[in-house]
Amino acid sequence: MSVDSNLASYDGTTHVETQRRPETFYNFGPASSRDEIVFTCERPGADPEGGGKIPTTAVVQEWATFMKSKGIQRVLVLLSDGELGDYEEPGLLQCYTDLGFQVYRNPMGVEGSAPNAAKLLKEAERANEKVVAHCTHGKGRSGRVAAGWLIMRYGLSPQEATREAVQTAVQFGMERMGDAKLLEEWLNR
């Protein structure tokens, strides 16, 4: 279900996907308009058409320049080992470190990833530093982190958090998936 035109009736309980506007670079935007701490985006070199190109260090540097222009200081990487293997040497995580980011790796599919993400996001909040969470396209796993932040920080229910994360994505022209059931499964894993 596309939610862009039916947002007023979306209650956060069904699976939805918002549509990205062409001017939304890197699918970047906030988790919510409640704060300026947690943001989501796509990884450097994400290819929506699936061309299979290996992202170069120059592509990572271009992504980093954009993120720094938005005040991002920390990067929460949700990628699997296989996805990280897509990058040329010295690798994505080392590039981020070399470019001055604080880097945290937290693959979504591992046990305890939700409490670990909560800890990392709360550390960023305490330090008053902006953090961006990214998966491949910045919509599924990243959207879950955005909604998870709203639960962890503001005490929303999974349905309320999903609805708000989706509303924010529409407002900022981001592509984001919302699914309260998948969110609950991740939080309870």
C-alpha atoms as a PDB file:
ATOM      1  CA  MET A   1       0.000   0.000   0.000  1.00  0.00           C
ATOM      2  CA  SER A   2       1.365   3.412  -0.925  1.00  0.00           C
ATOM      3  CA  VAL A   3       0.604   5.803   1.882  1.00  0.00           C
ATOM      4  CA  ASP A   4       1.428   9.171   0.320  1.00  0.00           C
ATOM      5  CA  SER A   5      -2.113   9.889  -0.847  1.00  0.00           C
ATOM      6  CA  ASN A   6      -3.888   8.054   1.988  1.00  0.00           C
ATOM      7  CA  LEU A   7      -1.850   9.226   4.970  1.00  0.00           C
ATOM      8  CA  ALA A   8      -4.833  10.640   6.833  1.00  0.00           C
ATOM      9  CA  SER A   9      -6.352   7.170   7.115  1.00  0.00           C
ATOM     10  CA  TYR A  10      -3.112   5.265   7.850  1.00  0.00           C
ATOM     11  CA  ASP A  11      -3.193   3.861  11.393  1.00  0.00           C
ATOM     12  CA  GLY A  12       0.260   2.274  11.587  1.00  0.00           C
ATOM     13  CA  THR A  13      -0.944  -1.339  11.665  1.00  0.00           C
ATOM     14  CA  THR A  14      -0.426  -2.421   8.051  1.00  0.00           C
ATOM     15  CA  HIS A  15       2.672  -2.591   5.851  1.00  0.00           C
ATOM     16  CA  VAL A  16       3.162   0.596   3.844  1.00  0.00           C
ATOM     17  CA  GLU A  17       5.858   2.217   1.760  1.00  0.00           C
ATOM     18  CA  THR A  18       6.165   5.919   1.067  1.00  0.00           C
ATOM     19  CA  GLN A  19       7.441   7.333  -2.205  1.00  0.00           C
ATOM     20  CA  ARG A  20      10.726   9.191  -2.520  1.00  0.00           C
ATOM     21  CA  ARG A  21      10.874  12.567  -4.201  1.00  0.00           C
ATOM     22  CA  PRO A  22      13.729  13.002  -6.722  1.00  0.00           C
ATOM     23  CA  GLU A  23      15.192  15.943  -4.792  1.00  0.00           C
ATOM     24  CA  THR A  24      15.676  13.861  -1.625  1.00  0.00           C
ATOM     25  CA  PHE A  25      19.383  13.117  -1.809  1.00  0.00           C
ATOM     26  CA  TYR A  26      20.528   9.805  -0.326  1.00  0.00           C
ATOM     27  CA  ASN A  27      16.964   9.251   0.932  1.00  0.00           C
ATOM     28  CA  PHE A  28      18.081  11.377   3.891  1.00  0.00           C
ATOM     29  CA  GLY A  29      15.756  12.721   6.551  1.00  0.00           C
ATOM     30  CA  PRO A  30      14.838  12.712  10.228  1.00  0.00           C
ATOM     31  CA  ALA A  31      13.294   9.852  12.162  1.00  0.00           C
ATOM     32  CA  SER A  32      10.713  12.357  13.373  1.00  0.00           C
ATOM     33  CA  SER A  33      10.196  16.080  13.737  1.00  0.00           C
ATOM     34  CA  ARG A  34      10.363  15.641  17.539  1.00  0.00           C
ATOM     35  CA  ASP A  35      14.146  16.045  17.693  1.00  0.00           C
ATOM     36  CA  GLU A  36      17.341  16.595  15.709  1.00  0.00           C
ATOM     37  CA  ILE A  37      19.211  13.478  16.855  1.00  0.00           C
ATOM     38  CA  VAL A  38      18.270  10.466  14.692  1.00  0.00           C
ATOM     39  CA  PHE A  39      18.227  10.496  10.895  1.00  0.00           C
ATOM     40  CA  THR A  40      18.075   7.756   8.274  1.00  0.00           C
ATOM     41  CA  CYS A  41      19.439   7.390   4.753  1.00  0.00           C
ATOM     42  CA  GLU A  42      20.704   4.973   2.125  1.00  0.00           C
ATOM     43  CA  ARG A  43      24.258   3.676   2.023  1.00  0.00           C
ATOM     44  CA  PRO A  44      26.873   5.266  -0.228  1.00  0.00           C
ATOM     45  CA  GLY A  45      26.541   3.935  -3.742  1.00  0.00           C
ATOM     46  CA  ALA A  46      23.057   2.507  -3.257  1.00  0.00           C
ATOM     47  CA  ASP A  47      21.838   1.701  -6.724  1.00  0.00           C
ATOM     48  CA  PRO A  48      18.035   1.665  -6.908  1.00  0.00           C
ATOM     49  CA  GLU A  49      18.293   0.036 -10.327  1.00  0.00           C
ATOM     50  CA  GLY A  50      20.615  -2.679  -9.004  1.00  0.00           C
ATOM     51  CA  GLY A  51      23.569  -2.241 -11.365  1.00  0.00           C
ATOM     52  CA  GLY A  52      25.931  -4.239  -9.160  1.00  0.00           C
ATOM     53  CA  LYS A  53      28.742  -1.653  -9.286  1.00  0.00           C
ATOM     54  CA  ILE A  54      31.305  -1.694  -6.490  1.00  0.00           C
ATOM     55  CA  PRO A  55      31.083   1.668  -4.686  1.00  0.00           C
ATOM     56  CA  THR A  56      34.398   3.511  -4.819  1.00  0.00           C
ATOM     57  CA  THR A  57      36.056   5.496  -2.065  1.00  0.00           C
ATOM     58  CA  ALA A  58      35.124   8.652  -4.018  1.00  0.00           C
ATOM     59  CA  VAL A  59      31.439   7.684  -3.789  1.00  0.00           C
ATOM     60  CA  VAL A  60      31.796   7.229  -0.019  1.00  0.00           C
ATOM     61  CA  GLN A  61      33.542  10.614   0.258  1.00  0.00           C
ATOM     62  CA  GLU A  62      30.723  12.314  -1.656  1.00  0.00           C
ATOM     63  CA  TRP A  63      28.150  10.718   0.686  1.00  0.00           C
ATOM     64  CA  ALA A  64      30.222  11.800   3.713  1.00  0.00           C
ATOM     65  CA  THR A  65      30.403  15.395   2.494  1.00  0.00           C
ATOM     66  CA  PHE A  66      26.617  15.492   2.234  1.00  0.00           C
ATOM     67  CA  MET A  67      26.161  13.979   5.711  1.00  0.00           C
ATOM     68  CA  LYS A  68      28.630  16.423   7.255  1.00  0.00           C
ATOM     69  CA  SER A  69      26.722  19.299   5.611  1.00  0.00           C
ATOM     70  CA  LYS A  70      23.715  18.083   7.623  1.00  0.00           C
ATOM     71  CA  GLY A  71      25.711  18.008  10.878  1.00  0.00           C
ATOM     72  CA  ILE A  72      25.995  14.222  11.093  1.00  0.00           C
ATOM     73  CA  GLN A  73      28.782  13.060  13.413  1.00  0.00           C
ATOM     74  CA  ARG A  74      27.881   9.410  14.002  1.00  0.00           C
ATOM     75  CA  VAL A  75      26.947   6.625  11.589  1.00  0.00           C
ATOM     76  CA  LEU A  76      24.958   3.540  12.613  1.00  0.00           C
ATOM     77  CA  VAL A  77      25.581   0.897   9.932  1.00  0.00           C
ATOM     78  CA  LEU A  78      22.844  -1.753   9.643  1.00  0.00           C
ATOM     79  CA  LEU A  79      24.465  -3.679   6.782  1.00  0.00           C
ATOM     80  CA  SER A  80      25.239  -7.396   6.770  1.00  0.00           C
ATOM     81  CA  ASP A  81      28.730  -8.785   6.175  1.00  0.00           C
ATOM     82  CA  GLY A  82      27.806  -9.476   2.554  1.00  0.00           C
ATOM     83  CA  GLU A  83      26.628  -5.920   1.984  1.00  0.00           C
ATOM     84  CA  LEU A  84      29.812  -4.514   3.530  1.00  0.00           C
ATOM     85  CA  GLY A  85      31.804  -6.704   1.151  1.00  0.00           C
ATOM     86  CA  ASP A  86      30.462  -4.630  -1.759  1.00  0.00           C
ATOM     87  CA  TYR A  87      32.957  -1.823  -1.068  1.00  0.00           C
ATOM     88  CA  GLU A  88      36.474  -1.425  -2.399  1.00  0.00           C
ATOM     89  CA  GLU A  89      39.419  -1.386   0.009  1.00  0.00           C
ATOM     90  CA  PRO A  90      39.859  -0.133   2.680  1.00  0.00           C
ATOM     91  CA  GLY A  91      36.151  -0.901   3.143  1.00  0.00           C
ATOM     92  CA  LEU A  92      33.160   1.185   4.144  1.00  0.00           C
ATOM     93  CA  LEU A  93      33.680   1.199   7.912  1.00  0.00           C
ATOM     94  CA  GLN A  94      37.323   2.241   7.626  1.00  0.00           C
ATOM     95  CA  CYS A  95      36.411   4.968   5.126  1.00  0.00           C
ATOM     96  CA  TYR A  96      33.871   6.368   7.585  1.00  0.00           C
ATOM     97  CA  THR A  97      36.467   6.353  10.368  1.00  0.00           C
ATOM     98  CA  ASP A  98      39.069   7.978   8.117  1.00  0.00           C
ATOM     99  CA  LEU A  99      36.525  10.673   7.221  1.00  0.00           C
ATOM    100  CA  GLY A 100      36.022  11.547  10.889  1.00  0.00           C
ATOM    101  CA  PHE A 101      32.747   9.826  11.761  1.00  0.00           C
ATOM    102  CA  GLN A 102      32.139   7.812  14.899  1.00  0.00           C
ATOM    103  CA  VAL A 103      31.093   4.470  13.436  1.00  0.00           C
ATOM    104  CA  TYR A 104      28.826   1.841  14.968  1.00  0.00           C
ATOM    105  CA  ARG A 105      27.937  -1.426  13.283  1.00  0.00           C
ATOM    106  CA  ASN A 106      24.699  -3.072  14.280  1.00  0.00           C
ATOM    107  CA  PRO A 107      23.347  -5.567  11.707  1.00  0.00           C
ATOM    108  CA  MET A 108      19.565  -5.877  12.047  1.00  0.00           C
ATOM    109  CA  GLY A 109      19.372  -9.650  11.904  1.00  0.00           C
ATOM    110  CA  VAL A 110      21.454 -10.416  14.990  1.00  0.00           C
ATOM    111  CA  GLU A 111      20.185 -11.150  18.471  1.00  0.00           C
ATOM    112  CA  GLY A 112      20.114  -8.050  20.664  1.00  0.00           C
ATOM    113  CA  SER A 113      20.386  -5.535  17.843  1.00  0.00           C
ATOM    114  CA  ALA A 114      17.426  -3.459  19.109  1.00  0.00           C
ATOM    115  CA  PRO A 115      18.835  -2.875  22.631  1.00  0.00           C
ATOM    116  CA  ASN A 116      22.244  -2.210  21.100  1.00  0.00           C
ATOM    117  CA  ALA A 117      20.730   0.360  18.719  1.00  0.00           C
ATOM    118  CA  ALA A 118      18.913   1.979  21.665  1.00  0.00           C
ATOM    119  CA  LYS A 119      22.184   2.288  23.559  1.00  0.00           C
ATOM    120  CA  LEU A 120      23.985   3.839  20.585  1.00  0.00           C
ATOM    121  CA  LEU A 121      21.181   6.301  19.850  1.00  0.00           C
ATOM    122  CA  LYS A 122      20.923   7.355  23.486  1.00  0.00           C
ATOM    123  CA  GLU A 123      24.702   7.904  23.598  1.00  0.00           C
ATOM    124  CA  ALA A 124      24.355  10.236  20.613  1.00  0.00           C
ATOM    125  CA  GLU A 125      21.525  12.078  22.347  1.00  0.00           C
ATOM    126  CA  ARG A 126      23.560  12.494  25.563  1.00  0.00           C
ATOM    127  CA  ALA A 127      26.438  13.890  23.504  1.00  0.00           C
ATOM    128  CA  ASN A 128      23.983  16.106  21.583  1.00  0.00           C
ATOM    129  CA  GLU A 129      25.340  14.697  18.315  1.00  0.00           C
ATOM    130  CA  LYS A 130      23.409  13.787  15.199  1.00  0.00           C
ATOM    131  CA  VAL A 131      23.460  10.155  14.113  1.00  0.00           C
ATOM    132  CA  VAL A 132      22.380   8.683  10.792  1.00  0.00           C
ATOM    133  CA  ALA A 133      21.295   5.040  10.551  1.00  0.00           C
ATOM    134  CA  HIS A 134      21.586   3.435   7.149  1.00  0.00           C
ATOM    135  CA  CYS A 135      20.832   0.179   5.436  1.00  0.00           C
ATOM    136  CA  THR A 136      21.015  -0.286   1.675  1.00  0.00           C
ATOM    137  CA  HIS A 137      18.194   1.966   0.483  1.00  0.00           C
ATOM    138  CA  GLY A 138      17.354   3.687   3.763  1.00  0.00           C
ATOM    139  CA  LYS A 139      13.774   2.522   3.898  1.00  0.00           C
ATOM    140  CA  GLY A 140      13.232  -0.889   5.579  1.00  0.00           C
ATOM    141  CA  ARG A 141      15.789  -1.485   8.312  1.00  0.00           C
ATOM    142  CA  SER A 142      16.460   2.229   8.685  1.00  0.00           C
ATOM    143  CA  GLY A 143      12.739   2.908   8.938  1.00  0.00           C
ATOM    144  CA  ARG A 144      12.541   0.340  11.710  1.00  0.00           C
ATOM    145  CA  VAL A 145      15.336   2.124  13.594  1.00  0.00           C
ATOM    146  CA  ALA A 146      13.481   5.436  13.148  1.00  0.00           C
ATOM    147  CA  ALA A 147      10.273   3.990  14.604  1.00  0.00           C
ATOM    148  CA  GLY A 148      12.242   2.119  17.283  1.00  0.00           C
ATOM    149  CA  TRP A 149      13.795   5.424  18.379  1.00  0.00           C
ATOM    150  CA  LEU A 150      10.312   6.885  18.833  1.00  0.00           C
ATOM    151  CA  ILE A 151       9.368   3.964  21.071  1.00  0.00           C
ATOM    152  CA  MET A 152      12.614   4.018  23.060  1.00  0.00           C
ATOM    153  CA  ARG A 153      12.799   7.789  23.489  1.00  0.00           C
ATOM    154  CA  TYR A 154       9.187   8.943  23.555  1.00  0.00           C
ATOM    155  CA  GLY A 155       7.282   5.875  24.755  1.00  0.00           C
ATOM    156  CA  LEU A 156       5.085   5.502  21.683  1.00  0.00           C
ATOM    157  CA  SER A 157       3.414   2.210  20.843  1.00  0.00           C
ATOM    158  CA  PRO A 158       4.723   0.327  17.775  1.00  0.00           C
ATOM    159  CA  GLN A 159       1.668   1.458  15.809  1.00  0.00           C
ATOM    160  CA  GLU A 160       2.053   5.111  16.869  1.00  0.00           C
ATOM    161  CA  ALA A 161       5.784   5.046  16.154  1.00  0.00           C
ATOM    162  CA  THR A 162       5.269   3.456  12.739  1.00  0.00           C
ATOM    163  CA  ARG A 163       2.621   6.022  11.841  1.00  0.00           C
ATOM    164  CA  GLU A 164       4.843   8.926  12.911  1.00  0.00           C
ATOM    165  CA  ALA A 165       7.927   7.587  11.105  1.00  0.00           C
ATOM    166  CA  VAL A 166       5.847   7.170   7.942  1.00  0.00           C
ATOM    167  CA  GLN A 167       4.305  10.650   8.285  1.00  0.00           C
ATOM    168  CA  THR A 168       7.770  12.152   8.661  1.00  0.00           C
ATOM    169  CA  ALA A 169       8.993  10.314   5.563  1.00  0.00           C
ATOM    170  CA  VAL A 170       6.125  11.729   3.519  1.00  0.00           C
ATOM    171  CA  GLN A 171       6.782  15.222   4.867  1.00  0.00           C
ATOM    172  CA  PHE A 172      10.472  15.069   3.906  1.00  0.00           C
ATOM    173  CA  GLY A 173      10.044  13.194   0.608  1.00  0.00           C
ATOM    174  CA  MET A 174      11.741  10.021   1.814  1.00  0.00           C
ATOM    175  CA  GLU A 175      11.053   6.454   0.822  1.00  0.00           C
ATOM    176  CA  ARG A 176      10.386   4.533   4.032  1.00  0.00           C
ATOM    177  CA  MET A 177       8.622   1.305   4.873  1.00  0.00           C
ATOM    178  CA  GLY A 178       6.369   1.066   7.857  1.00  0.00           C
ATOM    179  CA  ASP A 179       5.346  -2.218   9.454  1.00  0.00           C
ATOM    180  CA  ALA A 180       4.494  -2.326  13.164  1.00  0.00           C
ATOM    181  CA  LYS A 181       4.611  -6.140  13.214  1.00  0.00           C
ATOM    182  CA  LEU A 182       8.183  -6.268  11.871  1.00  0.00           C
ATOM    183  CA  LEU A 183       9.102  -3.487  14.279  1.00  0.00           C
ATOM    184  CA  GLU A 184       7.775  -5.468  17.249  1.00  0.00           C
ATOM    185  CA  GLU A 185       9.608  -8.604  16.078  1.00  0.00           C
ATOM    186  CA  TRP A 186      12.873  -6.659  15.887  1.00  0.00           C
ATOM    187  CA  LEU A 187      12.353  -5.076  19.307  1.00  0.00           C
ATOM    188  CA  ASN A 188      11.680  -8.500  20.846  1.00  0.00           C
ATOM    189  CA  ARG A 189      14.513 -10.392  19.097  1.00  0.00           C
END
